[in-house]
PDB file of N, CA and C in Angstrom:
ATOM      1  N   MET A   1    -100.328 -12.337  -3.989  1.00  0.00           N
ATOM      2  CA  MET A   1    -101.065 -13.575  -4.195  1.00  0.00           C
ATOM      3  C   MET A   1    -102.215 -13.641  -3.191  1.00  0.00           C
ATOM      4  N   ASN A   2    -103.330 -14.111  -3.648  1.00  0.00           N
ATOM      5  CA  ASN A   2    -104.512 -14.198  -2.797  1.00  0.00           C
ATOM      6  C   ASN A   2    -104.459 -15.436  -1.910  1.00  0.00           C
ATOM      7  N   GLN A   3    -105.136 -15.341  -0.781  1.00  0.00           N
ATOM      8  CA  GLN A   3    -105.233 -16.471   0.143  1.00  0.00           C
ATOM      9  C   GLN A   3    -105.953 -17.620  -0.554  1.00  0.00           C
ATOM     10  N   ILE A   4    -105.441 -18.820  -0.373  1.00  0.00           N
ATOM     11  CA  ILE A   4    -106.064 -19.994  -0.976  1.00  0.00           C
ATOM     12  C   ILE A   4    -107.199 -20.463  -0.074  1.00  0.00           C
ATOM     13  N   ILE A   5    -108.366 -20.605  -0.664  1.00  0.00           N
ATOM     14  CA  ILE A   5    -109.549 -21.068   0.050  1.00  0.00           C
ATOM     15  C   ILE A   5    -109.674 -22.570  -0.195  1.00  0.00           C
ATOM     16  N   ALA A   6    -110.049 -23.296   0.835  1.00  0.00           N
ATOM     17  CA  ALA A   6    -110.207 -24.750   0.722  1.00  0.00           C
ATOM     18  C   ALA A   6    -111.271 -25.096  -0.318  1.00  0.00           C
ATOM     19  N   GLU A   7    -111.130 -26.270  -0.918  1.00  0.00           N
ATOM     20  CA  GLU A   7    -112.097 -26.740  -1.910  1.00  0.00           C
ATOM     21  C   GLU A   7    -113.470 -26.931  -1.264  1.00  0.00           C
ATOM     22  N   VAL A   8    -114.491 -26.535  -1.996  1.00  0.00           N
ATOM     23  CA  VAL A   8    -115.872 -26.671  -1.526  1.00  0.00           C
ATOM     24  C   VAL A   8    -116.356 -28.090  -1.841  1.00  0.00           C
ATOM     25  N   GLN A   9    -116.945 -28.737  -0.859  1.00  0.00           N
ATOM     26  CA  GLN A   9    -117.509 -30.073  -1.018  1.00  0.00           C
ATOM     27  C   GLN A   9    -119.035 -29.972  -0.976  1.00  0.00           C
ATOM     28  N   ALA A  10    -119.721 -30.846  -1.691  1.00  0.00           N
ATOM     29  CA  ALA A  10    -121.188 -30.816  -1.725  1.00  0.00           C
ATOM     30  C   ALA A  10    -121.777 -30.908  -0.320  1.00  0.00           C
ATOM     31  N   GLU A  11    -121.161 -31.704   0.546  1.00  0.00           N
ATOM     32  CA  GLU A  11    -121.708 -31.863   1.896  1.00  0.00           C
ATOM     33  C   GLU A  11    -121.558 -30.612   2.766  1.00  0.00           C
ATOM     34  N   ASP A  12    -120.723 -29.661   2.334  1.00  0.00           N
ATOM     35  CA  ASP A  12    -120.573 -28.407   3.085  1.00  0.00           C
ATOM     36  C   ASP A  12    -121.894 -27.650   3.203  1.00  0.00           C
ATOM     37  N   PHE A  13    -122.763 -27.812   2.226  1.00  0.00           N
ATOM     38  CA  PHE A  13    -124.002 -27.038   2.201  1.00  0.00           C
ATOM     39  C   PHE A  13    -125.052 -27.548   3.186  1.00  0.00           C
ATOM     40  N   THR A  14    -124.797 -28.707   3.769  1.00  0.00           N
ATOM     41  CA  THR A  14    -125.738 -29.243   4.755  1.00  0.00           C
ATOM     42  C   THR A  14    -125.095 -29.421   6.132  1.00  0.00           C
ATOM     43  N   LYS A  15    -123.853 -28.987   6.279  1.00  0.00           N
ATOM     44  CA  LYS A  15    -123.159 -29.096   7.555  1.00  0.00           C
ATOM     45  C   LYS A  15    -123.669 -28.047   8.534  1.00  0.00           C
ATOM     46  N   VAL A  16    -123.730 -28.445   9.787  1.00  0.00           N
ATOM     47  CA  VAL A  16    -124.016 -27.512  10.865  1.00  0.00           C
ATOM     48  C   VAL A  16    -122.733 -27.395  11.674  1.00  0.00           C
ATOM     49  N   THR A  17    -122.130 -26.219  11.656  1.00  0.00           N
ATOM     50  CA  THR A  17    -120.844 -26.027  12.312  1.00  0.00           C
ATOM     51  C   THR A  17    -120.654 -24.553  12.649  1.00  0.00           C
ATOM     52  N   ILE A  18    -119.776 -24.291  13.590  1.00  0.00           N
ATOM     53  CA  ILE A  18    -119.448 -22.894  13.889  1.00  0.00           C
ATOM     54  C   ILE A  18    -118.269 -22.430  13.036  1.00  0.00           C
ATOM     55  N   ASP A  19    -117.623 -23.375  12.344  1.00  0.00           N
ATOM     56  CA  ASP A  19    -116.495 -23.038  11.480  1.00  0.00           C
ATOM     57  C   ASP A  19    -116.975 -22.314  10.226  1.00  0.00           C
ATOM     58  N   LEU A  20    -116.121 -21.440   9.695  1.00  0.00           N
ATOM     59  CA  LEU A  20    -116.432 -20.753   8.447  1.00  0.00           C
ATOM     60  C   LEU A  20    -116.128 -21.710   7.293  1.00  0.00           C
ATOM     61  N   LEU A  21    -117.179 -22.208   6.666  1.00  0.00           N
ATOM     62  CA  LEU A  21    -117.022 -23.151   5.563  1.00  0.00           C
ATOM     63  C   LEU A  21    -116.532 -22.423   4.314  1.00  0.00           C
ATOM     64  N   PRO A  22    -115.866 -23.151   3.413  1.00  0.00           N
ATOM     65  CA  PRO A  22    -115.276 -22.504   2.239  1.00  0.00           C
ATOM     66  C   PRO A  22    -116.265 -21.688   1.407  1.00  0.00           C
ATOM     67  N   HIS A  23    -117.484 -22.184   1.198  1.00  0.00           N
ATOM     68  CA  HIS A  23    -118.423 -21.424   0.372  1.00  0.00           C
ATOM     69  C   HIS A  23    -118.833 -20.127   1.053  1.00  0.00           C
ATOM     70  N   LYS A  24    -118.895 -20.107   2.373  1.00  0.00           N
ATOM     71  CA  LYS A  24    -119.207 -18.873   3.100  1.00  0.00           C
ATOM     72  C   LYS A  24    -118.033 -17.895   3.019  1.00  0.00           C
ATOM     73  N   GLU A  25    -116.822 -18.436   3.067  1.00  0.00           N
ATOM     74  CA  GLU A  25    -115.633 -17.601   2.915  1.00  0.00           C
ATOM     75  C   GLU A  25    -115.627 -16.943   1.527  1.00  0.00           C
ATOM     76  N   ILE A  26    -116.005 -17.711   0.514  1.00  0.00           N
ATOM     77  CA  ILE A  26    -116.088 -17.184  -0.850  1.00  0.00           C
ATOM     78  C   ILE A  26    -117.177 -16.113  -0.938  1.00  0.00           C
ATOM     79  N   GLU A  27    -118.345 -16.394  -0.364  1.00  0.00           N
ATOM     80  CA  GLU A  27    -119.421 -15.401  -0.380  1.00  0.00           C
ATOM     81  C   GLU A  27    -118.990 -14.105   0.308  1.00  0.00           C
ATOM     82  N   ASN A  28    -118.327 -14.222   1.449  1.00  0.00           N
ATOM     83  CA  ASN A  28    -117.859 -13.029   2.161  1.00  0.00           C
ATOM     84  C   ASN A  28    -116.859 -12.236   1.331  1.00  0.00           C
ATOM     85  N   LYS A  29    -115.954 -12.959   0.675  1.00  0.00           N
ATOM     86  CA  LYS A  29    -114.937 -12.293  -0.141  1.00  0.00           C
ATOM     87  C   LYS A  29    -115.577 -11.590  -1.339  1.00  0.00           C
ATOM     88  N   LEU A  30    -116.530 -12.243  -1.992  1.00  0.00           N
ATOM     89  CA  LEU A  30    -117.208 -11.620  -3.131  1.00  0.00           C
ATOM     90  C   LEU A  30    -117.980 -10.375  -2.707  1.00  0.00           C
ATOM     91  N   THR A  31    -118.636 -10.438  -1.557  1.00  0.00           N
ATOM     92  CA  THR A  31    -119.370  -9.276  -1.058  1.00  0.00           C
ATOM     93  C   THR A  31    -118.415  -8.117  -0.804  1.00  0.00           C
ATOM     94  N   ALA A  32    -117.265  -8.408  -0.214  1.00  0.00           N
ATOM     95  CA  ALA A  32    -116.269  -7.364   0.044  1.00  0.00           C
ATOM     96  C   ALA A  32    -115.706  -6.798  -1.259  1.00  0.00           C
ATOM     97  N   ILE A  33    -115.373  -7.675  -2.206  1.00  0.00           N
ATOM     98  CA  ILE A  33    -114.842  -7.237  -3.497  1.00  0.00           C
ATOM     99  C   ILE A  33    -115.854  -6.351  -4.220  1.00  0.00           C
ATOM    100  N   GLY A  34    -117.132  -6.673  -4.058  1.00  0.00           N
ATOM    101  CA  GLY A  34    -118.198  -5.902  -4.697  1.00  0.00           C
ATOM    102  C   GLY A  34    -118.518  -4.588  -4.008  1.00  0.00           C
ATOM    103  N   GLY A  35    -117.803  -4.280  -2.943  1.00  0.00           N
ATOM    104  CA  GLY A  35    -117.988  -2.989  -2.285  1.00  0.00           C
ATOM    105  C   GLY A  35    -118.721  -3.060  -0.957  1.00  0.00           C
ATOM    106  N   GLY A  36    -119.103  -4.244  -0.533  1.00  0.00           N
ATOM    107  CA  GLY A  36    -119.811  -4.390   0.740  1.00  0.00           C
ATOM    108  C   GLY A  36    -121.255  -3.942   0.646  1.00  0.00           C
ATOM    109  N   GLY A  37    -122.002  -4.168   1.699  1.00  0.00           N
ATOM    110  CA  GLY A  37    -123.394  -3.739   1.769  1.00  0.00           C
ATOM    111  C   GLY A  37    -124.242  -4.305   0.646  1.00  0.00           C
ATOM    112  N   VAL A  38    -125.252  -3.518   0.261  1.00  0.00           N
ATOM    113  CA  VAL A  38    -126.194  -3.942  -0.777  1.00  0.00           C
ATOM    114  C   VAL A  38    -125.477  -4.165  -2.107  1.00  0.00           C
ATOM    115  N   ASN A  39    -124.561  -3.276  -2.462  1.00  0.00           N
ATOM    116  CA  ASN A  39    -123.838  -3.421  -3.728  1.00  0.00           C
ATOM    117  C   ASN A  39    -122.974  -4.677  -3.730  1.00  0.00           C
ATOM    118  N   GLY A  40    -122.358  -4.973  -2.605  1.00  0.00           N
ATOM    119  CA  GLY A  40    -121.532  -6.168  -2.503  1.00  0.00           C
ATOM    120  C   GLY A  40    -122.341  -7.441  -2.632  1.00  0.00           C
ATOM    121  N   VAL A  41    -123.506  -7.467  -2.002  1.00  0.00           N
ATOM    122  CA  VAL A  41    -124.375  -8.645  -2.093  1.00  0.00           C
ATOM    123  C   VAL A  41    -124.881  -8.816  -3.525  1.00  0.00           C
ATOM    124  N   ALA A  42    -125.233  -7.722  -4.175  1.00  0.00           N
ATOM    125  CA  ALA A  42    -125.686  -7.788  -5.570  1.00  0.00           C
ATOM    126  C   ALA A  42    -124.562  -8.319  -6.465  1.00  0.00           C
ATOM    127  N   TYR A  43    -123.328  -7.852  -6.228  1.00  0.00           N
ATOM    128  CA  TYR A  43    -122.183  -8.327  -7.003  1.00  0.00           C
ATOM    129  C   TYR A  43    -121.979  -9.827  -6.776  1.00  0.00           C
ATOM    130  N   LYS A  44    -122.015 -10.252  -5.520  1.00  0.00           N
ATOM    131  CA  LYS A  44    -121.848 -11.671  -5.180  1.00  0.00           C
ATOM    132  C   LYS A  44    -122.885 -12.515  -5.912  1.00  0.00           C
ATOM    133  N   ASN A  45    -124.134 -12.110  -5.854  1.00  0.00           N
ATOM    134  CA  ASN A  45    -125.207 -12.867  -6.507  1.00  0.00           C
ATOM    135  C   ASN A  45    -125.011 -12.921  -8.018  1.00  0.00           C
ATOM    136  N   GLU A  46    -124.602 -11.797  -8.604  1.00  0.00           N
ATOM    137  CA  GLU A  46    -124.362 -11.756 -10.049  1.00  0.00           C
ATOM    138  C   GLU A  46    -123.222 -12.698 -10.435  1.00  0.00           C
ATOM    139  N   LEU A  47    -122.140 -12.676  -9.661  1.00  0.00           N
ATOM    140  CA  LEU A  47    -120.993 -13.513 -10.004  1.00  0.00           C
ATOM    141  C   LEU A  47    -121.320 -14.997  -9.854  1.00  0.00           C
ATOM    142  N   ILE A  48    -122.080 -15.350  -8.836  1.00  0.00           N
ATOM    143  CA  ILE A  48    -122.480 -16.742  -8.654  1.00  0.00           C
ATOM    144  C   ILE A  48    -123.315 -17.205  -9.853  1.00  0.00           C
ATOM    145  N   LYS A  49    -124.203 -16.351 -10.333  1.00  0.00           N
ATOM    146  CA  LYS A  49    -124.997 -16.679 -11.539  1.00  0.00           C
ATOM    147  C   LYS A  49    -124.080 -16.823 -12.758  1.00  0.00           C
ATOM    148  N   LEU A  50    -123.168 -15.863 -12.935  1.00  0.00           N
ATOM    149  CA  LEU A  50    -122.259 -15.914 -14.082  1.00  0.00           C
ATOM    150  C   LEU A  50    -121.407 -17.184 -14.068  1.00  0.00           C
ATOM    151  N   ALA A  51    -121.074 -17.661 -12.880  1.00  0.00           N
ATOM    152  CA  ALA A  51    -120.230 -18.857 -12.760  1.00  0.00           C
ATOM    153  C   ALA A  51    -121.010 -20.142 -13.021  1.00  0.00           C
ATOM    154  N   GLY A  52    -122.336 -20.044 -13.181  1.00  0.00           N
ATOM    155  CA  GLY A  52    -123.094 -21.217 -13.584  1.00  0.00           C
ATOM    156  C   GLY A  52    -124.238 -21.638 -12.680  1.00  0.00           C
ATOM    157  N   TRP A  53    -124.500 -20.919 -11.593  1.00  0.00           N
ATOM    158  CA  TRP A  53    -125.614 -21.294 -10.717  1.00  0.00           C
ATOM    159  C   TRP A  53    -126.924 -21.065 -11.447  1.00  0.00           C
ATOM    160  N   LYS A  54    -127.748 -22.112 -11.520  1.00  0.00           N
ATOM    161  CA  LYS A  54    -128.990 -22.025 -12.281  1.00  0.00           C
ATOM    162  C   LYS A  54    -130.221 -21.840 -11.395  1.00  0.00           C
ATOM    163  N   GLY A  55    -130.050 -21.965 -10.094  1.00  0.00           N
ATOM    164  CA  GLY A  55    -131.176 -21.771  -9.182  1.00  0.00           C
ATOM    165  C   GLY A  55    -131.575 -20.308  -9.106  1.00  0.00           C
ATOM    166  N   ASP A  56    -132.827 -20.067  -8.750  1.00  0.00           N
ATOM    167  CA  ASP A  56    -133.246 -18.672  -8.575  1.00  0.00           C
ATOM    168  C   ASP A  56    -132.826 -18.206  -7.184  1.00  0.00           C
ATOM    169  N   ARG A  57    -133.158 -16.966  -6.857  1.00  0.00           N
ATOM    170  CA  ARG A  57    -132.669 -16.409  -5.593  1.00  0.00           C
ATOM    171  C   ARG A  57    -133.268 -17.086  -4.366  1.00  0.00           C
ATOM    172  N   LEU A  58    -134.337 -17.840  -4.538  1.00  0.00           N
ATOM    173  CA  LEU A  58    -134.950 -18.549  -3.421  1.00  0.00           C
ATOM    174  C   LEU A  58    -134.504 -20.007  -3.327  1.00  0.00           C
ATOM    175  N   THR A  59    -133.701 -20.461  -4.290  1.00  0.00           N
ATOM    176  CA  THR A  59    -133.215 -21.837  -4.276  1.00  0.00           C
ATOM    177  C   THR A  59    -131.988 -21.932  -3.386  1.00  0.00           C
ATOM    178  N   SER A  60    -132.091 -22.735  -2.354  1.00  0.00           N
ATOM    179  CA  SER A  60    -130.975 -22.944  -1.432  1.00  0.00           C
ATOM    180  C   SER A  60    -129.878 -23.753  -2.119  1.00  0.00           C
ATOM    181  N   PHE A  61    -128.631 -23.429  -1.803  1.00  0.00           N
ATOM    182  CA  PHE A  61    -127.524 -24.219  -2.338  1.00  0.00           C
ATOM    183  C   PHE A  61    -127.627 -25.663  -1.862  1.00  0.00           C
ATOM    184  N   ALA A  62    -128.243 -25.891  -0.709  1.00  0.00           N
ATOM    185  CA  ALA A  62    -128.393 -27.245  -0.171  1.00  0.00           C
ATOM    186  C   ALA A  62    -129.351 -28.095  -1.009  1.00  0.00           C
ATOM    187  N   ARG A  63    -130.204 -27.459  -1.796  1.00  0.00           N
ATOM    188  CA  ARG A  63    -131.109 -28.226  -2.675  1.00  0.00           C
ATOM    189  C   ARG A  63    -130.373 -28.838  -3.851  1.00  0.00           C
ATOM    190  N   LYS A  64    -129.295 -28.188  -4.272  1.00  0.00           N
ATOM    191  CA  LYS A  64    -128.488 -28.677  -5.404  1.00  0.00           C
ATOM    192  C   LYS A  64    -127.006 -28.605  -5.006  1.00  0.00           C
ATOM    193  N   PRO A  65    -126.603 -29.394  -4.019  1.00  0.00           N
ATOM    194  CA  PRO A  65    -125.254 -29.241  -3.473  1.00  0.00           C
ATOM    195  C   PRO A  65    -124.118 -29.556  -4.447  1.00  0.00           C
ATOM    196  N   GLU A  66    -124.310 -30.521  -5.345  1.00  0.00           N
ATOM    197  CA  GLU A  66    -123.239 -30.840  -6.299  1.00  0.00           C
ATOM    198  C   GLU A  66    -123.028 -29.674  -7.267  1.00  0.00           C
ATOM    199  N   GLU A  67    -124.135 -29.124  -7.773  1.00  0.00           N
ATOM    200  CA  GLU A  67    -124.049 -27.971  -8.678  1.00  0.00           C
ATOM    201  C   GLU A  67    -123.436 -26.780  -7.955  1.00  0.00           C
ATOM    202  N   ALA A  68    -123.870 -26.549  -6.731  1.00  0.00           N
ATOM    203  CA  ALA A  68    -123.355 -25.423  -5.955  1.00  0.00           C
ATOM    204  C   ALA A  68    -121.856 -25.566  -5.709  1.00  0.00           C
ATOM    205  N   ALA A  69    -121.404 -26.764  -5.354  1.00  0.00           N
ATOM    206  CA  ALA A  69    -119.977 -26.992  -5.116  1.00  0.00           C
ATOM    207  C   ALA A  69    -119.172 -26.719  -6.381  1.00  0.00           C
ATOM    208  N   GLU A  70    -119.683 -27.156  -7.517  1.00  0.00           N
ATOM    209  CA  GLU A  70    -118.991 -26.924  -8.794  1.00  0.00           C
ATOM    210  C   GLU A  70    -118.857 -25.428  -9.077  1.00  0.00           C
ATOM    211  N   VAL A  71    -119.936 -24.694  -8.879  1.00  0.00           N
ATOM    212  CA  VAL A  71    -119.932 -23.243  -9.117  1.00  0.00           C
ATOM    213  C   VAL A  71    -118.961 -22.545  -8.167  1.00  0.00           C
ATOM    214  N   PHE A  72    -119.047 -22.869  -6.893  1.00  0.00           N
ATOM    215  CA  PHE A  72    -118.171 -22.214  -5.915  1.00  0.00           C
ATOM    216  C   PHE A  72    -116.709 -22.568  -6.142  1.00  0.00           C
ATOM    217  N   ASN A  73    -116.424 -23.772  -6.601  1.00  0.00           N
ATOM    218  CA  ASN A  73    -115.035 -24.121  -6.880  1.00  0.00           C
ATOM    219  C   ASN A  73    -114.501 -23.388  -8.104  1.00  0.00           C
ATOM    220  N   LYS A  74    -115.347 -23.109  -9.082  1.00  0.00           N
ATOM    221  CA  LYS A  74    -114.927 -22.268 -10.213  1.00  0.00           C
ATOM    222  C   LYS A  74    -114.551 -20.881  -9.706  1.00  0.00           C
ATOM    223  N   ILE A  75    -115.386 -20.338  -8.840  1.00  0.00           N
ATOM    224  CA  ILE A  75    -115.120 -19.008  -8.285  1.00  0.00           C
ATOM    225  C   ILE A  75    -113.860 -19.042  -7.421  1.00  0.00           C
ATOM    226  N   ARG A  76    -113.709 -20.087  -6.638  1.00  0.00           N
ATOM    227  CA  ARG A  76    -112.529 -20.239  -5.768  1.00  0.00           C
ATOM    228  C   ARG A  76    -111.243 -20.181  -6.587  1.00  0.00           C
ATOM    229  N   LEU A  77    -111.214 -20.884  -7.703  1.00  0.00           N
ATOM    230  CA  LEU A  77    -110.024 -20.877  -8.564  1.00  0.00           C
ATOM    231  C   LEU A  77    -109.798 -19.512  -9.190  1.00  0.00           C
ATOM    232  N   ALA A  78    -110.873 -18.851  -9.594  1.00  0.00           N
ATOM    233  CA  ALA A  78    -110.747 -17.509 -10.170  1.00  0.00           C
ATOM    234  C   ALA A  78    -110.229 -16.519  -9.130  1.00  0.00           C
ATOM    235  N   LEU A  79    -110.711 -16.636  -7.894  1.00  0.00           N
ATOM    236  CA  LEU A  79    -110.264 -15.739  -6.819  1.00  0.00           C
ATOM    237  C   LEU A  79    -108.787 -15.940  -6.490  1.00  0.00           C
ATOM    238  N   ALA A  80    -108.288 -17.149  -6.660  1.00  0.00           N
ATOM    239  CA  ALA A  80    -106.877 -17.421  -6.377  1.00  0.00           C
ATOM    240  C   ALA A  80    -105.973 -16.646  -7.335  1.00  0.00           C
ATOM    241  N   ALA A  81    -106.494 -16.360  -8.533  1.00  0.00           N
ATOM    242  CA  ALA A  81    -105.709 -15.669  -9.551  1.00  0.00           C
ATOM    243  C   ALA A  81    -105.945 -14.167  -9.573  1.00  0.00           C
ATOM    244  N   ASN A  82    -107.132 -13.727  -9.145  1.00  0.00           N
ATOM    245  CA  ASN A  82    -107.489 -12.320  -9.337  1.00  0.00           C
ATOM    246  C   ASN A  82    -108.617 -11.942  -8.387  1.00  0.00           C
ATOM    247  N   ASP A  83    -108.535 -10.748  -7.804  1.00  0.00           N
ATOM    248  CA  ASP A  83    -109.651 -10.287  -6.980  1.00  0.00           C
ATOM    249  C   ASP A  83    -110.174  -8.922  -7.432  1.00  0.00           C
ATOM    250  N   ASP A  84    -109.918  -8.588  -8.687  1.00  0.00           N
ATOM    251  CA  ASP A  84    -110.476  -7.365  -9.268  1.00  0.00           C
ATOM    252  C   ASP A  84    -111.916  -7.660  -9.704  1.00  0.00           C
ATOM    253  N   PRO A  85    -112.894  -6.857  -9.255  1.00  0.00           N
ATOM    254  CA  PRO A  85    -114.298  -7.171  -9.544  1.00  0.00           C
ATOM    255  C   PRO A  85    -114.632  -7.283 -11.032  1.00  0.00           C
ATOM    256  N   ASP A  86    -114.104  -6.390 -11.832  1.00  0.00           N
ATOM    257  CA  ASP A  86    -114.400  -6.430 -13.269  1.00  0.00           C
ATOM    258  C   ASP A  86    -113.733  -7.619 -13.953  1.00  0.00           C
ATOM    259  N   GLU A  87    -112.504  -7.903 -13.565  1.00  0.00           N
ATOM    260  CA  GLU A  87    -111.787  -9.034 -14.154  1.00  0.00           C
ATOM    261  C   GLU A  87    -112.448 -10.360 -13.768  1.00  0.00           C
ATOM    262  N   LEU A  88    -112.925 -10.459 -12.531  1.00  0.00           N
ATOM    263  CA  LEU A  88    -113.628 -11.679 -12.127  1.00  0.00           C
ATOM    264  C   LEU A  88    -114.873 -11.897 -12.981  1.00  0.00           C
ATOM    265  N   LYS A  89    -115.629 -10.819 -13.204  1.00  0.00           N
ATOM    266  CA  LYS A  89    -116.834 -10.948 -14.038  1.00  0.00           C
ATOM    267  C   LYS A  89    -116.467 -11.391 -15.444  1.00  0.00           C
ATOM    268  N   LYS A  90    -115.403 -10.829 -15.990  1.00  0.00           N
ATOM    269  CA  LYS A  90    -114.960 -11.191 -17.344  1.00  0.00           C
ATOM    270  C   LYS A  90    -114.599 -12.672 -17.433  1.00  0.00           C
ATOM    271  N   THR A  91    -114.102 -13.224 -16.346  1.00  0.00           N
ATOM    272  CA  THR A  91    -113.723 -14.635 -16.306  1.00  0.00           C
ATOM    273  C   THR A  91    -114.907 -15.529 -16.650  1.00  0.00           C
ATOM    274  N   PHE A  92    -116.111 -15.116 -16.221  1.00  0.00           N
ATOM    275  CA  PHE A  92    -117.282 -15.965 -16.373  1.00  0.00           C
ATOM    276  C   PHE A  92    -118.264 -15.515 -17.459  1.00  0.00           C
ATOM    277  N   GLU A  93    -118.061 -14.338 -18.020  1.00  0.00           N
ATOM    278  CA  GLU A  93    -118.966 -13.868 -19.064  1.00  0.00           C
ATOM    279  C   GLU A  93    -118.678 -14.625 -20.355  1.00  0.00           C
ATOM    280  N   VAL A  94    -119.726 -14.967 -21.051  1.00  0.00           N
ATOM    281  CA  VAL A  94    -119.589 -15.722 -22.299  1.00  0.00           C
ATOM    282  C   VAL A  94    -119.333 -14.790 -23.452  1.00  0.00           C
TER     283      VAL A  94
END
């Protein structure tokens, strides 16, 4: 069973803290699942888009925090059930 990540809140995207916020934990996990490095970051970005993020690569999650929280919480729930990169993508592909 995968580690349960705390629910992402819209205000998390504007918090200044030294703590690892849930959305950052999700981003780190997706990068690792995607193989790390450049490939991992590309996988993370692709999965965030597949999960419903409509902003472009220059749009900060803080600009649309409610949408970002919704997307990250979808990913959080999917990660709780599965951490296989291909299966995660299938979860969000239409």
